[in-house]
PDB file of N, CA and C in Angstrom:
ATOM      1  N   MET A   1     -72.799-116.496  64.457  1.00  0.00           N
ATOM      2  CA  MET A   1     -73.094-116.687  63.024  1.00  0.00           C
ATOM      3  C   MET A   1     -72.492-117.911  62.319  1.00  0.00           C
ATOM      4  N   GLU A   2     -73.371-118.623  61.819  1.00  0.00           N
ATOM      5  CA  GLU A   2     -72.593-119.791  61.259  1.00  0.00           C
ATOM      6  C   GLU A   2     -72.304-119.467  59.665  1.00  0.00           C
ATOM      7  N   THR A   3     -71.649-120.044  58.708  1.00  0.00           N
ATOM      8  CA  THR A   3     -71.211-119.648  57.358  1.00  0.00           C
ATOM      9  C   THR A   3     -71.745-121.146  56.489  1.00  0.00           C
ATOM     10  N   VAL A   4     -72.854-120.604  55.732  1.00  0.00           N
ATOM     11  CA  VAL A   4     -73.348-121.242  54.863  1.00  0.00           C
ATOM     12  C   VAL A   4     -72.850-121.074  53.402  1.00  0.00           C
ATOM     13  N   ALA A   5     -72.328-122.269  52.289  1.00  0.00           N
ATOM     14  CA  ALA A   5     -72.364-121.922  50.988  1.00  0.00           C
ATOM     15  C   ALA A   5     -73.250-122.686  50.252  1.00  0.00           C
ATOM     16  N   LEU A   6     -73.720-121.586  49.567  1.00  0.00           N
ATOM     17  CA  LEU A   6     -74.850-122.611  48.441  1.00  0.00           C
ATOM     18  C   LEU A   6     -74.457-121.752  46.880  1.00  0.00           C
ATOM     19  N   LYS A   7     -74.936-122.643  46.406  1.00  0.00           N
ATOM     20  CA  LYS A   7     -74.819-122.671  44.654  1.00  0.00           C
ATOM     21  C   LYS A   7     -76.038-121.774  44.309  1.00  0.00           C
ATOM     22  N   MET A   8     -75.647-120.627  42.964  1.00  0.00           N
ATOM     23  CA  MET A   8     -76.903-119.850  42.370  1.00  0.00           C
ATOM     24  C   MET A   8     -76.320-119.886  41.005  1.00  0.00           C
ATOM     25  N   ASP A   9     -77.388-119.702  40.194  1.00  0.00           N
ATOM     26  CA  ASP A   9     -77.389-118.971  39.023  1.00  0.00           C
ATOM     27  C   ASP A   9     -76.411-117.838  38.613  1.00  0.00           C
ATOM     28  N   ARG A  10     -75.986-117.580  37.529  1.00  0.00           N
ATOM     29  CA  ARG A  10     -75.052-116.424  37.770  1.00  0.00           C
ATOM     30  C   ARG A  10     -76.199-115.355  37.548  1.00  0.00           C
ATOM     31  N   ARG A  11     -77.542-115.417  37.171  1.00  0.00           N
ATOM     32  CA  ARG A  11     -78.279-114.439  37.196  1.00  0.00           C
ATOM     33  C   ARG A  11     -79.107-114.005  38.489  1.00  0.00           C
ATOM     34  N   HIS A  12     -78.992-115.171  39.182  1.00  0.00           N
ATOM     35  CA  HIS A  12     -79.371-114.721  40.685  1.00  0.00           C
ATOM     36  C   HIS A  12     -78.378-113.974  41.493  1.00  0.00           C
ATOM     37  N   VAL A  13     -77.142-114.408  41.350  1.00  0.00           N
ATOM     38  CA  VAL A  13     -75.874-113.645  41.636  1.00  0.00           C
ATOM     39  C   VAL A  13     -76.012-112.261  41.105  1.00  0.00           C
ATOM     40  N   GLU A  14     -76.088-112.108  40.063  1.00  0.00           N
ATOM     41  CA  GLU A  14     -76.194-110.450  39.685  1.00  0.00           C
ATOM     42  C   GLU A  14     -77.149-109.750  40.390  1.00  0.00           C
ATOM     43  N   LEU A  15     -78.714-110.570  40.559  1.00  0.00           N
ATOM     44  CA  LEU A  15     -79.261-109.744  40.943  1.00  0.00           C
ATOM     45  C   LEU A  15     -79.338-109.838  42.546  1.00  0.00           C
ATOM     46  N   LEU A  16     -78.847-110.178  43.129  1.00  0.00           N
ATOM     47  CA  LEU A  16     -77.888-110.184  44.221  1.00  0.00           C
ATOM     48  C   LEU A  16     -77.219-108.783  45.046  1.00  0.00           C
ATOM     49  N   LYS A  17     -76.291-109.280  43.308  1.00  0.00           N
ATOM     50  CA  LYS A  17     -74.872-107.953  43.950  1.00  0.00           C
ATOM     51  C   LYS A  17     -75.549-106.802  43.600  1.00  0.00           C
ATOM     52  N   GLN A  18     -76.648-106.565  42.491  1.00  0.00           N
ATOM     53  CA  GLN A  18     -77.255-105.272  42.368  1.00  0.00           C
ATOM     54  C   GLN A  18     -78.265-104.883  43.449  1.00  0.00           C
ATOM     55  N   HIS A  19     -79.005-105.549  43.671  1.00  0.00           N
ATOM     56  CA  HIS A  19     -79.850-105.357  45.165  1.00  0.00           C
ATOM     57  C   HIS A  19     -79.018-104.860  46.019  1.00  0.00           C
ATOM     58  N   ALA A  20     -78.002-105.367  46.417  1.00  0.00           N
ATOM     59  CA  ALA A  20     -77.085-105.272  47.595  1.00  0.00           C
ATOM     60  C   ALA A  20     -76.536-103.826  47.470  1.00  0.00           C
ATOM     61  N   GLN A  21     -75.683-103.774  46.760  1.00  0.00           N
ATOM     62  CA  GLN A  21     -75.195-102.332  46.008  1.00  0.00           C
ATOM     63  C   GLN A  21     -76.338-101.242  46.044  1.00  0.00           C
ATOM     64  N   ALA A  22     -77.847-101.170  45.287  1.00  0.00           N
ATOM     65  CA  ALA A  22     -78.532-100.358  45.484  1.00  0.00           C
ATOM     66  C   ALA A  22     -79.009 -99.951  46.993  1.00  0.00           C
ATOM     67  N   ARG A  23     -78.990-101.154  47.455  1.00  0.00           N
ATOM     68  CA  ARG A  23     -79.525-100.521  49.432  1.00  0.00           C
ATOM     69  C   ARG A  23     -78.262-100.428  50.267  1.00  0.00           C
ATOM     70  N   GLY A  24     -77.034-100.340  49.868  1.00  0.00           N
ATOM     71  CA  GLY A  24     -75.642 -99.846  50.321  1.00  0.00           C
ATOM     72  C   GLY A  24     -75.655-101.039  51.598  1.00  0.00           C
ATOM     73  N   ALA A  25     -75.992-102.681  51.206  1.00  0.00           N
ATOM     74  CA  ALA A  25     -75.690-103.413  52.196  1.00  0.00           C
ATOM     75  C   ALA A  25     -74.906-104.470  51.898  1.00  0.00           C
ATOM     76  N   SER A  26     -74.553-105.433  52.461  1.00  0.00           N
ATOM     77  CA  SER A  26     -73.524-106.795  51.957  1.00  0.00           C
ATOM     78  C   SER A  26     -74.738-107.749  51.437  1.00  0.00           C
ATOM     79  N   GLN A  27     -74.234-108.498  50.652  1.00  0.00           N
ATOM     80  CA  GLN A  27     -75.078-109.583  50.173  1.00  0.00           C
ATOM     81  C   GLN A  27     -75.419-110.469  51.435  1.00  0.00           C
ATOM     82  N   ALA A  28     -74.662-110.726  51.919  1.00  0.00           N
ATOM     83  CA  ALA A  28     -75.429-112.102  53.390  1.00  0.00           C
ATOM     84  C   ALA A  28     -76.337-110.845  53.908  1.00  0.00           C
ATOM     85  N   ALA A  29     -76.482-109.659  54.427  1.00  0.00           N
ATOM     86  CA  ALA A  29     -77.419-109.105  54.807  1.00  0.00           C
ATOM     87  C   ALA A  29     -78.719-109.053  54.024  1.00  0.00           C
ATOM     88  N   ILE A  30     -78.588-109.157  52.758  1.00  0.00           N
ATOM     89  CA  ILE A  30     -79.875-109.224  51.804  1.00  0.00           C
ATOM     90  C   ILE A  30     -80.127-110.477  52.117  1.00  0.00           C
ATOM     91  N   VAL A  31     -79.436-111.581  51.541  1.00  0.00           N
ATOM     92  CA  VAL A  31     -80.017-113.024  51.856  1.00  0.00           C
ATOM     93  C   VAL A  31     -80.839-113.255  53.599  1.00  0.00           C
ATOM     94  N   ARG A  32     -80.249-112.668  54.395  1.00  0.00           N
ATOM     95  CA  ARG A  32     -80.534-112.757  55.919  1.00  0.00           C
ATOM     96  C   ARG A  32     -82.131-112.135  55.491  1.00  0.00           C
ATOM     97  N   GLU A  33     -82.376-110.899  55.449  1.00  0.00           N
ATOM     98  CA  GLU A  33     -83.260-110.607  55.331  1.00  0.00           C
ATOM     99  C   GLU A  33     -84.404-110.777  54.492  1.00  0.00           C
ATOM    100  N   LEU A  34     -84.385-111.836  53.231  1.00  0.00           N
ATOM    101  CA  LEU A  34     -85.058-112.515  52.070  1.00  0.00           C
ATOM    102  C   LEU A  34     -85.641-113.536  53.258  1.00  0.00           C
ATOM    103  N   ILE A  35     -84.681-114.142  53.575  1.00  0.00           N
ATOM    104  CA  ILE A  35     -85.067-115.464  54.660  1.00  0.00           C
ATOM    105  C   ILE A  35     -85.556-115.188  55.554  1.00  0.00           C
ATOM    106  N   ASP A  36     -86.125-113.893  56.214  1.00  0.00           N
ATOM    107  CA  ASP A  36     -86.327-113.658  57.599  1.00  0.00           C
ATOM    108  C   ASP A  36     -87.985-113.194  56.613  1.00  0.00           C
ATOM    109  N   ARG A  37     -87.778-112.822  55.495  1.00  0.00           N
ATOM    110  CA  ARG A  37     -89.027-111.998  54.863  1.00  0.00           C
ATOM    111  C   ARG A  37     -90.109-113.197  54.648  1.00  0.00           C
ATOM    112  N   HIS A  38     -89.601-114.048  53.854  1.00  0.00           N
ATOM    113  CA  HIS A  38     -90.400-115.400  53.171  1.00  0.00           C
ATOM    114  C   HIS A  38     -90.584-116.773  53.897  1.00  0.00           C
ATOM    115  N   LEU A  39     -89.674-116.820  55.348  1.00  0.00           N
ATOM    116  CA  LEU A  39     -89.853-117.671  55.926  1.00  0.00           C
ATOM    117  C   LEU A  39     -90.308-117.703  57.800  1.00  0.00           C
ATOM    118  N   GLY A  40     -90.651-116.726  57.760  1.00  0.00           N
ATOM    119  CA  GLY A  40     -91.467-116.310  58.704  1.00  0.00           C
ATOM    120  C   GLY A  40     -91.073-115.549  60.010  1.00  0.00           C
ATOM    121  N   GLY A  41     -89.744-115.198  59.461  1.00  0.00           N
ATOM    122  CA  GLY A  41     -89.285-114.165  60.547  1.00  0.00           C
ATOM    123  C   GLY A  41     -89.684-112.617  60.625  1.00  0.00           C
ATOM    124  N   ASN A  42     -90.366-112.378  59.693  1.00  0.00           N
ATOM    125  CA  ASN A  42     -91.238-111.007  60.183  1.00  0.00           C
ATOM    126  C   ASN A  42     -92.622-110.982  60.847  1.00  0.00           C
ATOM    127  N   ALA A  43     -92.300-111.568  61.649  1.00  0.00           N
ATOM    128  CA  ALA A  43     -94.211-112.123  62.218  1.00  0.00           C
ATOM    129  C   ALA A  43     -93.817-110.735  63.482  1.00  0.00           C
ATOM    130  N   LYS A  44     -92.686-110.145  63.715  1.00  0.00           N
ATOM    131  CA  LYS A  44     -92.754-109.622  65.121  1.00  0.00           C
ATOM    132  C   LYS A  44     -91.698-108.116  64.912  1.00  0.00           C
ATOM    133  N   ALA A  45     -91.842-108.114  63.272  1.00  0.00           N
ATOM    134  CA  ALA A  45     -91.215-107.093  62.765  1.00  0.00           C
ATOM    135  C   ALA A  45     -92.425-105.814  62.664  1.00  0.00           C
ATOM    136  N   SER A  46     -91.690-104.346  63.393  1.00  0.00           N
ATOM    137  CA  SER A  46     -92.653-103.576  63.103  1.00  0.00           C
ATOM    138  C   SER A  46     -93.349-102.537  61.813  1.00  0.00           C
ATOM    139  N   LEU A  47     -94.192-102.109  61.744  1.00  0.00           N
ATOM    140  CA  LEU A  47     -94.603-101.362  60.414  1.00  0.00           C
ATOM    141  C   LEU A  47     -93.628-100.554  59.744  1.00  0.00           C
ATOM    142  N   HIS A  48     -92.396 -99.615  60.526  1.00  0.00           N
ATOM    143  CA  HIS A  48     -91.314 -99.104  59.759  1.00  0.00           C
ATOM    144  C   HIS A  48     -91.042-100.277  59.386  1.00  0.00           C
ATOM    145  N   GLU A  49     -90.255-101.316  59.603  1.00  0.00           N
ATOM    146  CA  GLU A  49     -89.465-102.387  59.478  1.00  0.00           C
ATOM    147  C   GLU A  49     -90.222-102.794  58.131  1.00  0.00           C
ATOM    148  N   GLN A  50     -91.379-103.199  57.988  1.00  0.00           N
ATOM    149  CA  GLN A  50     -92.005-103.937  57.098  1.00  0.00           C
ATOM    150  C   GLN A  50     -92.196-102.829  55.604  1.00  0.00           C
ATOM    151  N   ALA A  51     -92.305-101.525  55.915  1.00  0.00           N
ATOM    152  CA  ALA A  51     -92.120-100.191  55.292  1.00  0.00           C
ATOM    153  C   ALA A  51     -91.092 -99.518  54.539  1.00  0.00           C
ATOM    154  N   ARG A  52     -89.583-100.417  55.233  1.00  0.00           N
ATOM    155  CA  ARG A  52     -88.505 -99.455  55.169  1.00  0.00           C
ATOM    156  C   ARG A  52     -88.229 -99.506  53.932  1.00  0.00           C
ATOM    157  N   ASP A  53     -88.658 -99.822  53.008  1.00  0.00           N
ATOM    158  CA  ASP A  53     -88.031 -99.502  51.559  1.00  0.00           C
ATOM    159  C   ASP A  53     -88.967 -98.429  50.771  1.00  0.00           C
ATOM    160  N   LEU A  54     -89.792 -97.939  51.597  1.00  0.00           N
ATOM    161  CA  LEU A  54     -91.446 -96.897  50.748  1.00  0.00           C
ATOM    162  C   LEU A  54     -90.391 -95.617  51.748  1.00  0.00           C
ATOM    163  N   CYS A  55     -90.063 -95.559  52.975  1.00  0.00           N
ATOM    164  CA  CYS A  55     -89.662 -94.623  53.683  1.00  0.00           C
ATOM    165  C   CYS A  55     -88.829 -93.519  52.835  1.00  0.00           C
ATOM    166  N   GLY A  56     -89.028 -91.850  52.854  1.00  0.00           N
ATOM    167  CA  GLY A  56     -88.583 -91.431  51.881  1.00  0.00           C
ATOM    168  C   GLY A  56     -88.896 -91.283  50.516  1.00  0.00           C
ATOM    169  N   SER A  57     -89.801 -91.976  50.196  1.00  0.00           N
ATOM    170  CA  SER A  57     -89.759 -91.791  48.595  1.00  0.00           C
ATOM    171  C   SER A  57     -91.235 -91.393  48.020  1.00  0.00           C
ATOM    172  N   LEU A  58     -91.397 -90.367  48.666  1.00  0.00           N
ATOM    173  CA  LEU A  58     -92.391 -89.518  48.134  1.00  0.00           C
ATOM    174  C   LEU A  58     -91.775 -87.848  48.450  1.00  0.00           C
ATOM    175  N   SER A  59     -92.020 -87.182  47.554  1.00  0.00           N
ATOM    176  CA  SER A  59     -91.427 -86.063  47.530  1.00  0.00           C
ATOM    177  C   SER A  59     -92.627 -84.811  47.396  1.00  0.00           C
ATOM    178  N   GLY A  60     -92.249 -83.636  47.556  1.00  0.00           N
ATOM    179  CA  GLY A  60     -93.609 -82.147  47.689  1.00  0.00           C
ATOM    180  C   GLY A  60     -93.238 -81.654  49.087  1.00  0.00           C
ATOM    181  N   PRO A  61     -93.718 -80.546  49.610  1.00  0.00           N
ATOM    182  CA  PRO A  61     -93.840 -79.689  50.457  1.00  0.00           C
ATOM    183  C   PRO A  61     -94.347 -80.589  51.685  1.00  0.00           C
ATOM    184  N   LYS A  62     -93.560 -80.540  52.556  1.00  0.00           N
ATOM    185  CA  LYS A  62     -93.651 -81.054  54.131  1.00  0.00           C
ATOM    186  C   LYS A  62     -94.950 -80.869  54.932  1.00  0.00           C
ATOM    187  N   ASN A  63     -95.459 -79.498  54.270  1.00  0.00           N
ATOM    188  CA  ASN A  63     -96.971 -79.323  55.028  1.00  0.00           C
ATOM    189  C   ASN A  63     -97.720 -78.812  54.316  1.00  0.00           C
ATOM    190  N   LEU A  64     -98.464 -79.939  53.349  1.00  0.00           N
ATOM    191  CA  LEU A  64     -99.616 -80.176  52.543  1.00  0.00           C
ATOM    192  C   LEU A  64    -100.117 -78.490  52.482  1.00  0.00           C
ATOM    193  N   SER A  65    -100.611 -78.175  53.972  1.00  0.00           N
ATOM    194  CA  SER A  65    -101.260 -76.959  54.273  1.00  0.00           C
ATOM    195  C   SER A  65    -101.347 -75.901  53.538  1.00  0.00           C
ATOM    196  N   THR A  66    -100.167 -75.569  53.199  1.00  0.00           N
ATOM    197  CA  THR A  66     -99.643 -74.502  52.391  1.00  0.00           C
ATOM    198  C   THR A  66     -99.920 -74.515  50.974  1.00  0.00           C
ATOM    199  N   ARG A  67    -100.102 -75.227  50.207  1.00  0.00           N
ATOM    200  CA  ARG A  67    -100.442 -75.296  49.022  1.00  0.00           C
ATOM    201  C   ARG A  67    -102.131 -74.685  48.924  1.00  0.00           C
ATOM    202  N   LYS A  68    -101.525 -73.791  47.597  1.00  0.00           N
ATOM    203  CA  LYS A  68    -103.098 -72.756  47.257  1.00  0.00           C
ATOM    204  C   LYS A  68    -104.208 -73.845  46.824  1.00  0.00           C
ATOM    205  N   LEU A  69    -105.571 -73.571  47.235  1.00  0.00           N
ATOM    206  CA  LEU A  69    -106.937 -74.429  46.550  1.00  0.00           C
ATOM    207  C   LEU A  69    -107.496 -73.678  45.719  1.00  0.00           C
ATOM    208  N   LYS A  70    -107.819 -74.328  44.400  1.00  0.00           N
ATOM    209  CA  LYS A  70    -108.639 -73.957  43.056  1.00  0.00           C
ATOM    210  C   LYS A  70    -109.553 -74.742  43.335  1.00  0.00           C
ATOM    211  N   GLY A  71    -110.550 -73.867  43.261  1.00  0.00           N
ATOM    212  CA  GLY A  71    -111.954 -74.568  42.936  1.00  0.00           C
ATOM    213  C   GLY A  71    -112.833 -74.530  44.415  1.00  0.00           C
ATOM    214  N   TYR A  72    -112.605 -75.994  44.852  1.00  0.00           N
ATOM    215  CA  TYR A  72    -113.116 -76.803  45.710  1.00  0.00           C
ATOM    216  C   TYR A  72    -112.675 -75.973  47.346  1.00  0.00           C
ATOM    217  N   GLY A  73    -113.772 -75.558  47.809  1.00  0.00           N
ATOM    218  CA  GLY A  73    -113.589 -74.611  49.014  1.00  0.00           C
ATOM    219  C   GLY A  73    -113.190 -73.603  48.967  1.00  0.00           C
ATOM    220  N   ARG A  74    -113.045 -72.786  47.846  1.00  0.00           N
ATOM    221  CA  ARG A  74    -112.394 -71.600  47.121  1.00  0.00           C
ATOM    222  C   ARG A  74    -113.467 -70.927  46.318  1.00  0.00           C
ATOM    223  N   ASP A  75    -113.914 -69.795  46.505  1.00  0.00           N
ATOM    224  CA  ASP A  75    -114.910 -69.021  45.566  1.00  0.00           C
ATOM    225  C   ASP A  75    -113.810 -68.519  44.543  1.00  0.00           C
TER     226      ASP A  75
END
């Protein structure tokens, strides 16, 4: 890999730091991901890679067939 130096506004640096910390990734990894996503590197990404930030974001029973029906389908 090559090293690149850039100048950024403080607010962009803070956003980058916060996002990297929240994701548990390095700032460089976040920048690489954003470049790939916005400059065309995402064409070969799998559906899981594209929806990675959504994985695990729902809560509830794993088997929805266990919930009790009320009204519709039941008398």
